[in-house]
Amino acid sequence: MELNKQRFEAKTVEEAITNATVSLGMTSDELGYEVIEKGSSGFLGLNSKNAVIEVWKKADEEKLLAEEAAKKEE
């Protein structure tokens, strides 16, 4: 089993997390995330970069860790 990760982009990491929670219909407590790109405002708004995150369901992560632990015990 692999984690089903999805990418979200916004001006800030916080906005990207909010977009993910709304899109997935979950609370931020139910999601794990990794910051891929922090984003930047650039100089005078030029060359700005969006923040990019990958999110996954914490419940799926817990199942994956439990499966891996069970395999190690065998």
PDB file of N, CA and C in Angstrom:
ATOM      1  N   MET A   1       0.847  -1.186   0.000  1.00  0.00           N
ATOM      2  CA  MET A   1       0.000   0.000   0.000  1.00  0.00           C
ATOM      3  C   MET A   1       0.885   1.238   0.000  1.00  0.00           C
ATOM      4  N   GLU A   2       0.543   2.187  -0.814  1.00  0.00           N
ATOM      5  CA  GLU A   2       1.232   3.465  -0.839  1.00  0.00           C
ATOM      6  C   GLU A   2       0.270   4.554  -0.416  1.00  0.00           C
ATOM      7  N   LEU A   3       0.834   5.647   0.099  1.00  0.00           N
ATOM      8  CA  LEU A   3      -0.003   6.780   0.459  1.00  0.00           C
ATOM      9  C   LEU A   3      -0.523   7.454  -0.800  1.00  0.00           C
ATOM     10  N   ASN A   4      -1.796   7.785  -0.789  1.00  0.00           N
ATOM     11  CA  ASN A   4      -2.408   8.521  -1.882  1.00  0.00           C
ATOM     12  C   ASN A   4      -2.186  10.001  -1.603  1.00  0.00           C
ATOM     13  N   LYS A   5      -1.189  10.597  -2.272  1.00  0.00           N
ATOM     14  CA  LYS A   5      -0.851  12.000  -2.045  1.00  0.00           C
ATOM     15  C   LYS A   5      -1.442  12.869  -3.148  1.00  0.00           C
ATOM     16  N   GLN A   6      -1.843  14.061  -2.757  1.00  0.00           N
ATOM     17  CA  GLN A   6      -2.347  15.043  -3.713  1.00  0.00           C
ATOM     18  C   GLN A   6      -1.607  16.353  -3.490  1.00  0.00           C
ATOM     19  N   ARG A   7      -1.360  17.086  -4.583  1.00  0.00           N
ATOM     20  CA  ARG A   7      -0.669  18.369  -4.491  1.00  0.00           C
ATOM     21  C   ARG A   7      -1.660  19.517  -4.516  1.00  0.00           C
ATOM     22  N   PHE A   8      -1.345  20.534  -3.726  1.00  0.00           N
ATOM     23  CA  PHE A   8      -2.133  21.754  -3.695  1.00  0.00           C
ATOM     24  C   PHE A   8      -1.184  22.937  -3.744  1.00  0.00           C
ATOM     25  N   GLU A   9      -1.628  23.999  -4.430  1.00  0.00           N
ATOM     26  CA  GLU A   9      -0.841  25.213  -4.598  1.00  0.00           C
ATOM     27  C   GLU A   9      -1.652  26.417  -4.166  1.00  0.00           C
ATOM     28  N   ALA A  10      -0.965  27.391  -3.578  1.00  0.00           N
ATOM     29  CA  ALA A  10      -1.597  28.663  -3.219  1.00  0.00           C
ATOM     30  C   ALA A  10      -0.482  29.673  -2.947  1.00  0.00           C
ATOM     31  N   LYS A  11      -0.869  30.895  -2.634  1.00  0.00           N
ATOM     32  CA  LYS A  11       0.133  31.928  -2.376  1.00  0.00           C
ATOM     33  C   LYS A  11       0.973  31.616  -1.143  1.00  0.00           C
ATOM     34  N   THR A  12       0.349  30.984  -0.134  1.00  0.00           N
ATOM     35  CA  THR A  12       1.059  30.625   1.098  1.00  0.00           C
ATOM     36  C   THR A  12       0.784  29.160   1.437  1.00  0.00           C
ATOM     37  N   VAL A  13       1.611  28.608   2.314  1.00  0.00           N
ATOM     38  CA  VAL A  13       1.405  27.232   2.769  1.00  0.00           C
ATOM     39  C   VAL A  13       0.056  27.124   3.486  1.00  0.00           C
ATOM     40  N   GLU A  14      -0.264  28.125   4.300  1.00  0.00           N
ATOM     41  CA  GLU A  14      -1.518  28.098   5.047  1.00  0.00           C
ATOM     42  C   GLU A  14      -2.723  28.070   4.103  1.00  0.00           C
ATOM     43  N   GLU A  15      -2.668  28.855   3.038  1.00  0.00           N
ATOM     44  CA  GLU A  15      -3.759  28.853   2.064  1.00  0.00           C
ATOM     45  C   GLU A  15      -3.847  27.513   1.345  1.00  0.00           C
ATOM     46  N   ALA A  16      -2.711  26.909   1.058  1.00  0.00           N
ATOM     47  CA  ALA A  16      -2.700  25.605   0.396  1.00  0.00           C
ATOM     48  C   ALA A  16      -3.328  24.543   1.305  1.00  0.00           C
ATOM     49  N   ILE A  17      -3.032  24.606   2.594  1.00  0.00           N
ATOM     50  CA  ILE A  17      -3.633  23.658   3.550  1.00  0.00           C
ATOM     51  C   ILE A  17      -5.144  23.872   3.604  1.00  0.00           C
ATOM     52  N   THR A  18      -5.565  25.133   3.640  1.00  0.00           N
ATOM     53  CA  THR A  18      -6.997  25.435   3.649  1.00  0.00           C
ATOM     54  C   THR A  18      -7.661  24.900   2.391  1.00  0.00           C
ATOM     55  N   ASN A  19      -7.041  25.102   1.245  1.00  0.00           N
ATOM     56  CA  ASN A  19      -7.596  24.586  -0.013  1.00  0.00           C
ATOM     57  C   ASN A  19      -7.724  23.064   0.037  1.00  0.00           C
ATOM     58  N   ALA A  20      -6.727  22.400   0.602  1.00  0.00           N
ATOM     59  CA  ALA A  20      -6.753  20.938   0.699  1.00  0.00           C
ATOM     60  C   ALA A  20      -7.885  20.467   1.599  1.00  0.00           C
ATOM     61  N   THR A  21      -8.071  21.122   2.743  1.00  0.00           N
ATOM     62  CA  THR A  21      -9.130  20.694   3.659  1.00  0.00           C
ATOM     63  C   THR A  21     -10.503  20.889   3.035  1.00  0.00           C
ATOM     64  N   VAL A  22     -10.691  22.000   2.340  1.00  0.00           N
ATOM     65  CA  VAL A  22     -11.980  22.263   1.691  1.00  0.00           C
ATOM     66  C   VAL A  22     -12.213  21.260   0.561  1.00  0.00           C
ATOM     67  N   SER A  23     -11.199  21.060  -0.261  1.00  0.00           N
ATOM     68  CA  SER A  23     -11.326  20.164  -1.408  1.00  0.00           C
ATOM     69  C   SER A  23     -11.595  18.718  -0.987  1.00  0.00           C
ATOM     70  N   LEU A  24     -10.935  18.285   0.082  1.00  0.00           N
ATOM     71  CA  LEU A  24     -11.064  16.900   0.533  1.00  0.00           C
ATOM     72  C   LEU A  24     -12.163  16.709   1.574  1.00  0.00           C
ATOM     73  N   GLY A  25     -12.738  17.806   2.057  1.00  0.00           N
ATOM     74  CA  GLY A  25     -13.805  17.707   3.048  1.00  0.00           C
ATOM     75  C   GLY A  25     -13.322  17.144   4.372  1.00  0.00           C
ATOM     76  N   MET A  26     -12.110  17.514   4.762  1.00  0.00           N
ATOM     77  CA  MET A  26     -11.515  17.013   5.998  1.00  0.00           C
ATOM     78  C   MET A  26     -10.970  18.175   6.806  1.00  0.00           C
ATOM     79  N   THR A  27     -10.682  17.925   8.075  1.00  0.00           N
ATOM     80  CA  THR A  27     -10.045  18.953   8.892  1.00  0.00           C
ATOM     81  C   THR A  27      -8.532  18.835   8.751  1.00  0.00           C
ATOM     82  N   SER A  28      -7.827  19.889   9.130  1.00  0.00           N
ATOM     83  CA  SER A  28      -6.364  19.856   9.034  1.00  0.00           C
ATOM     84  C   SER A  28      -5.772  18.802   9.965  1.00  0.00           C
ATOM     85  N   ASP A  29      -6.490  18.446  11.043  1.00  0.00           N
ATOM     86  CA  ASP A  29      -6.021  17.403  11.957  1.00  0.00           C
ATOM     87  C   ASP A  29      -6.047  16.023  11.318  1.00  0.00           C
ATOM     88  N   GLU A  30      -6.878  15.847  10.288  1.00  0.00           N
ATOM     89  CA  GLU A  30      -7.014  14.546   9.629  1.00  0.00           C
ATOM     90  C   GLU A  30      -6.025  14.369   8.477  1.00  0.00           C
ATOM     91  N   LEU A  31      -5.287  15.438   8.167  1.00  0.00           N
ATOM     92  CA  LEU A  31      -4.360  15.397   7.035  1.00  0.00           C
ATOM     93  C   LEU A  31      -2.916  15.513   7.484  1.00  0.00           C
ATOM     94  N   GLY A  32      -2.055  14.797   6.785  1.00  0.00           N
ATOM     95  CA  GLY A  32      -0.619  14.997   6.923  1.00  0.00           C
ATOM     96  C   GLY A  32      -0.180  15.755   5.691  1.00  0.00           C
ATOM     97  N   TYR A  33       0.881  16.525   5.807  1.00  0.00           N
ATOM     98  CA  TYR A  33       1.343  17.250   4.635  1.00  0.00           C
ATOM     99  C   TYR A  33       2.848  17.459   4.663  1.00  0.00           C
ATOM    100  N   GLU A  34       3.388  17.663   3.478  1.00  0.00           N
ATOM    101  CA  GLU A  34       4.801  17.962   3.315  1.00  0.00           C
ATOM    102  C   GLU A  34       4.893  19.202   2.431  1.00  0.00           C
ATOM    103  N   VAL A  35       5.719  20.150   2.845  1.00  0.00           N
ATOM    104  CA  VAL A  35       5.910  21.361   2.055  1.00  0.00           C
ATOM    105  C   VAL A  35       6.929  21.048   0.963  1.00  0.00           C
ATOM    106  N   ILE A  36       6.511  21.181  -0.281  1.00  0.00           N
ATOM    107  CA  ILE A  36       7.391  20.954  -1.426  1.00  0.00           C
ATOM    108  C   ILE A  36       8.097  22.262  -1.788  1.00  0.00           C
ATOM    109  N   GLU A  37       7.353  23.361  -1.771  1.00  0.00           N
ATOM    110  CA  GLU A  37       7.891  24.685  -2.086  1.00  0.00           C
ATOM    111  C   GLU A  37       7.223  25.686  -1.151  1.00  0.00           C
ATOM    112  N   LYS A  38       8.021  26.465  -0.408  1.00  0.00           N
ATOM    113  CA  LYS A  38       7.457  27.435   0.529  1.00  0.00           C
ATOM    114  C   LYS A  38       6.787  28.594  -0.181  1.00  0.00           C
ATOM    115  N   GLY A  39       7.228  28.882  -1.381  1.00  0.00           N
ATOM    116  CA  GLY A  39       6.684  30.021  -2.102  1.00  0.00           C
ATOM    117  C   GLY A  39       7.406  31.292  -1.706  1.00  0.00           C
ATOM    118  N   SER A  40       7.288  32.297  -2.541  1.00  0.00           N
ATOM    119  CA  SER A  40       7.909  33.584  -2.247  1.00  0.00           C
ATOM    120  C   SER A  40       7.134  34.676  -2.964  1.00  0.00           C
ATOM    121  N   SER A  41       7.186  35.858  -2.388  1.00  0.00           N
ATOM    122  CA  SER A  41       6.451  36.978  -2.971  1.00  0.00           C
ATOM    123  C   SER A  41       7.221  37.655  -4.097  1.00  0.00           C
ATOM    124  N   GLY A  42       8.498  37.349  -4.226  1.00  0.00           N
ATOM    125  CA  GLY A  42       9.290  37.966  -5.290  1.00  0.00           C
ATOM    126  C   GLY A  42       9.593  39.420  -4.962  1.00  0.00           C
ATOM    127  N   PHE A  43      10.211  40.107  -5.885  1.00  0.00           N
ATOM    128  CA  PHE A  43      10.553  41.507  -5.713  1.00  0.00           C
ATOM    129  C   PHE A  43       9.465  42.347  -6.361  1.00  0.00           C
ATOM    130  N   LEU A  44       8.790  43.151  -5.543  1.00  0.00           N
ATOM    131  CA  LEU A  44       7.676  43.974  -6.014  1.00  0.00           C
ATOM    132  C   LEU A  44       6.601  43.135  -6.714  1.00  0.00           C
ATOM    133  N   GLY A  45       6.445  41.903  -6.251  1.00  0.00           N
ATOM    134  CA  GLY A  45       5.428  41.023  -6.821  1.00  0.00           C
ATOM    135  C   GLY A  45       5.851  40.310  -8.089  1.00  0.00           C
ATOM    136  N   LEU A  46       7.046  40.616  -8.582  1.00  0.00           N
ATOM    137  CA  LEU A  46       7.536  39.955  -9.797  1.00  0.00           C
ATOM    138  C   LEU A  46       8.250  38.659  -9.429  1.00  0.00           C
ATOM    139  N   ASN A  47       8.146  37.682 -10.280  1.00  0.00           N
ATOM    140  CA  ASN A  47       8.782  36.373 -10.073  1.00  0.00           C
ATOM    141  C   ASN A  47       8.323  35.698  -8.786  1.00  0.00           C
ATOM    142  N   SER A  48       7.089  35.938  -8.397  1.00  0.00           N
ATOM    143  CA  SER A  48       6.576  35.281  -7.197  1.00  0.00           C
ATOM    144  C   SER A  48       6.330  33.803  -7.504  1.00  0.00           C
ATOM    145  N   LYS A  49       6.434  33.002  -6.468  1.00  0.00           N
ATOM    146  CA  LYS A  49       6.206  31.560  -6.596  1.00  0.00           C
ATOM    147  C   LYS A  49       5.155  31.139  -5.589  1.00  0.00           C
ATOM    148  N   ASN A  50       4.257  30.274  -6.026  1.00  0.00           N
ATOM    149  CA  ASN A  50       3.249  29.723  -5.127  1.00  0.00           C
ATOM    150  C   ASN A  50       3.868  28.702  -4.186  1.00  0.00           C
ATOM    151  N   ALA A  51       3.258  28.552  -3.034  1.00  0.00           N
ATOM    152  CA  ALA A  51       3.610  27.468  -2.127  1.00  0.00           C
ATOM    153  C   ALA A  51       2.977  26.192  -2.681  1.00  0.00           C
ATOM    154  N   VAL A  52       3.690  25.076  -2.547  1.00  0.00           N
ATOM    155  CA  VAL A  52       3.200  23.778  -3.018  1.00  0.00           C
ATOM    156  C   VAL A  52       3.333  22.782  -1.871  1.00  0.00           C
ATOM    157  N   ILE A  53       2.241  22.067  -1.601  1.00  0.00           N
ATOM    158  CA  ILE A  53       2.267  21.028  -0.577  1.00  0.00           C
ATOM    159  C   ILE A  53       1.720  19.725  -1.148  1.00  0.00           C
ATOM    160  N   GLU A  54       2.127  18.627  -0.537  1.00  0.00           N
ATOM    161  CA  GLU A  54       1.513  17.318  -0.811  1.00  0.00           C
ATOM    162  C   GLU A  54       0.790  16.907   0.458  1.00  0.00           C
ATOM    163  N   VAL A  55      -0.444  16.469   0.312  1.00  0.00           N
ATOM    164  CA  VAL A  55      -1.232  16.062   1.473  1.00  0.00           C
ATOM    165  C   VAL A  55      -1.673  14.609   1.337  1.00  0.00           C
ATOM    166  N   TRP A  56      -1.931  13.997   2.477  1.00  0.00           N
ATOM    167  CA  TRP A  56      -2.441  12.637   2.533  1.00  0.00           C
ATOM    168  C   TRP A  56      -3.270  12.493   3.794  1.00  0.00           C
ATOM    169  N   LYS A  57      -4.089  11.457   3.825  1.00  0.00           N
ATOM    170  CA  LYS A  57      -4.924  11.192   4.995  1.00  0.00           C
ATOM    171  C   LYS A  57      -4.070  10.516   6.062  1.00  0.00           C
ATOM    172  N   LYS A  58      -4.126  11.054   7.277  1.00  0.00           N
ATOM    173  CA  LYS A  58      -3.362  10.461   8.375  1.00  0.00           C
ATOM    174  C   LYS A  58      -3.803   9.024   8.650  1.00  0.00           C
ATOM    175  N   ALA A  59      -5.088   8.741   8.451  1.00  0.00           N
ATOM    176  CA  ALA A  59      -5.597   7.381   8.682  1.00  0.00           C
ATOM    177  C   ALA A  59      -4.905   6.396   7.742  1.00  0.00           C
ATOM    178  N   ASP A  60      -4.679   6.803   6.484  1.00  0.00           N
ATOM    179  CA  ASP A  60      -3.975   5.939   5.534  1.00  0.00           C
ATOM    180  C   ASP A  60      -2.531   5.738   5.952  1.00  0.00           C
ATOM    181  N   GLU A  61      -1.912   6.791   6.475  1.00  0.00           N
ATOM    182  CA  GLU A  61      -0.525   6.698   6.936  1.00  0.00           C
ATOM    183  C   GLU A  61      -0.420   5.718   8.103  1.00  0.00           C
ATOM    184  N   GLU A  62      -1.377   5.773   9.020  1.00  0.00           N
ATOM    185  CA  GLU A  62      -1.381   4.876  10.170  1.00  0.00           C
ATOM    186  C   GLU A  62      -1.543   3.422   9.725  1.00  0.00           C
ATOM    187  N   LYS A  63      -2.419   3.175   8.740  1.00  0.00           N
ATOM    188  CA  LYS A  63      -2.603   1.816   8.219  1.00  0.00           C
ATOM    189  C   LYS A  63      -1.313   1.310   7.588  1.00  0.00           C
ATOM    190  N   LEU A  64      -0.653   2.168   6.815  1.00  0.00           N
ATOM    191  CA  LEU A  64       0.594   1.793   6.153  1.00  0.00           C
ATOM    192  C   LEU A  64       1.661   1.442   7.184  1.00  0.00           C
ATOM    193  N   LEU A  65       1.787   2.241   8.230  1.00  0.00           N
ATOM    194  CA  LEU A  65       2.775   1.970   9.275  1.00  0.00           C
ATOM    195  C   LEU A  65       2.459   0.670  10.012  1.00  0.00           C
ATOM    196  N   ALA A  66       1.181   0.406  10.236  1.00  0.00           N
ATOM    197  CA  ALA A  66       0.783  -0.838  10.898  1.00  0.00           C
ATOM    198  C   ALA A  66       1.106  -2.049  10.021  1.00  0.00           C
ATOM    199  N   GLU A  67       0.880  -1.935   8.724  1.00  0.00           N
ATOM    200  CA  GLU A  67       1.210  -3.025   7.793  1.00  0.00           C
ATOM    201  C   GLU A  67       2.715  -3.284   7.771  1.00  0.00           C
ATOM    202  N   GLU A  68       3.501  -2.218   7.748  1.00  0.00           N
ATOM    203  CA  GLU A  68       4.951  -2.366   7.724  1.00  0.00           C
ATOM    204  C   GLU A  68       5.452  -3.012   9.012  1.00  0.00           C
ATOM    205  N   ALA A  69       4.862  -2.633  10.145  1.00  0.00           N
ATOM    206  CA  ALA A  69       5.250  -3.221  11.425  1.00  0.00           C
ATOM    207  C   ALA A  69       4.904  -4.702  11.475  1.00  0.00           C
ATOM    208  N   ALA A  70       3.728  -5.071  10.925  1.00  0.00           N
ATOM    209  CA  ALA A  70       3.318  -6.472  10.907  1.00  0.00           C
ATOM    210  C   ALA A  70       4.257  -7.296  10.035  1.00  0.00           C
ATOM    211  N   LYS A  71       4.720  -6.746   8.924  1.00  0.00           N
ATOM    212  CA  LYS A  71       5.640  -7.463   8.055  1.00  0.00           C
ATOM    213  C   LYS A  71       6.982  -7.692   8.739  1.00  0.00           C
ATOM    214  N   LYS A  72       7.428  -6.732   9.541  1.00  0.00           N
ATOM    215  CA  LYS A  72       8.708  -6.863  10.237  1.00  0.00           C
ATOM    216  C   LYS A  72       8.645  -7.949  11.310  1.00  0.00           C
ATOM    217  N   GLU A  73       7.447  -8.139  11.884  1.00  0.00           N
ATOM    218  CA  GLU A  73       7.290  -9.148  12.939  1.00  0.00           C
ATOM    219  C   GLU A  73       7.283 -10.557  12.385  1.00  0.00           C
ATOM    220  N   GLU A  74       6.996 -10.708  11.095  1.00  0.00           N
ATOM    221  CA  GLU A  74       6.912 -12.057  10.506  1.00  0.00           C
ATOM    222  C   GLU A  74       8.259 -12.686  10.339  1.00  0.00           C
TER     223      GLU A  74
END
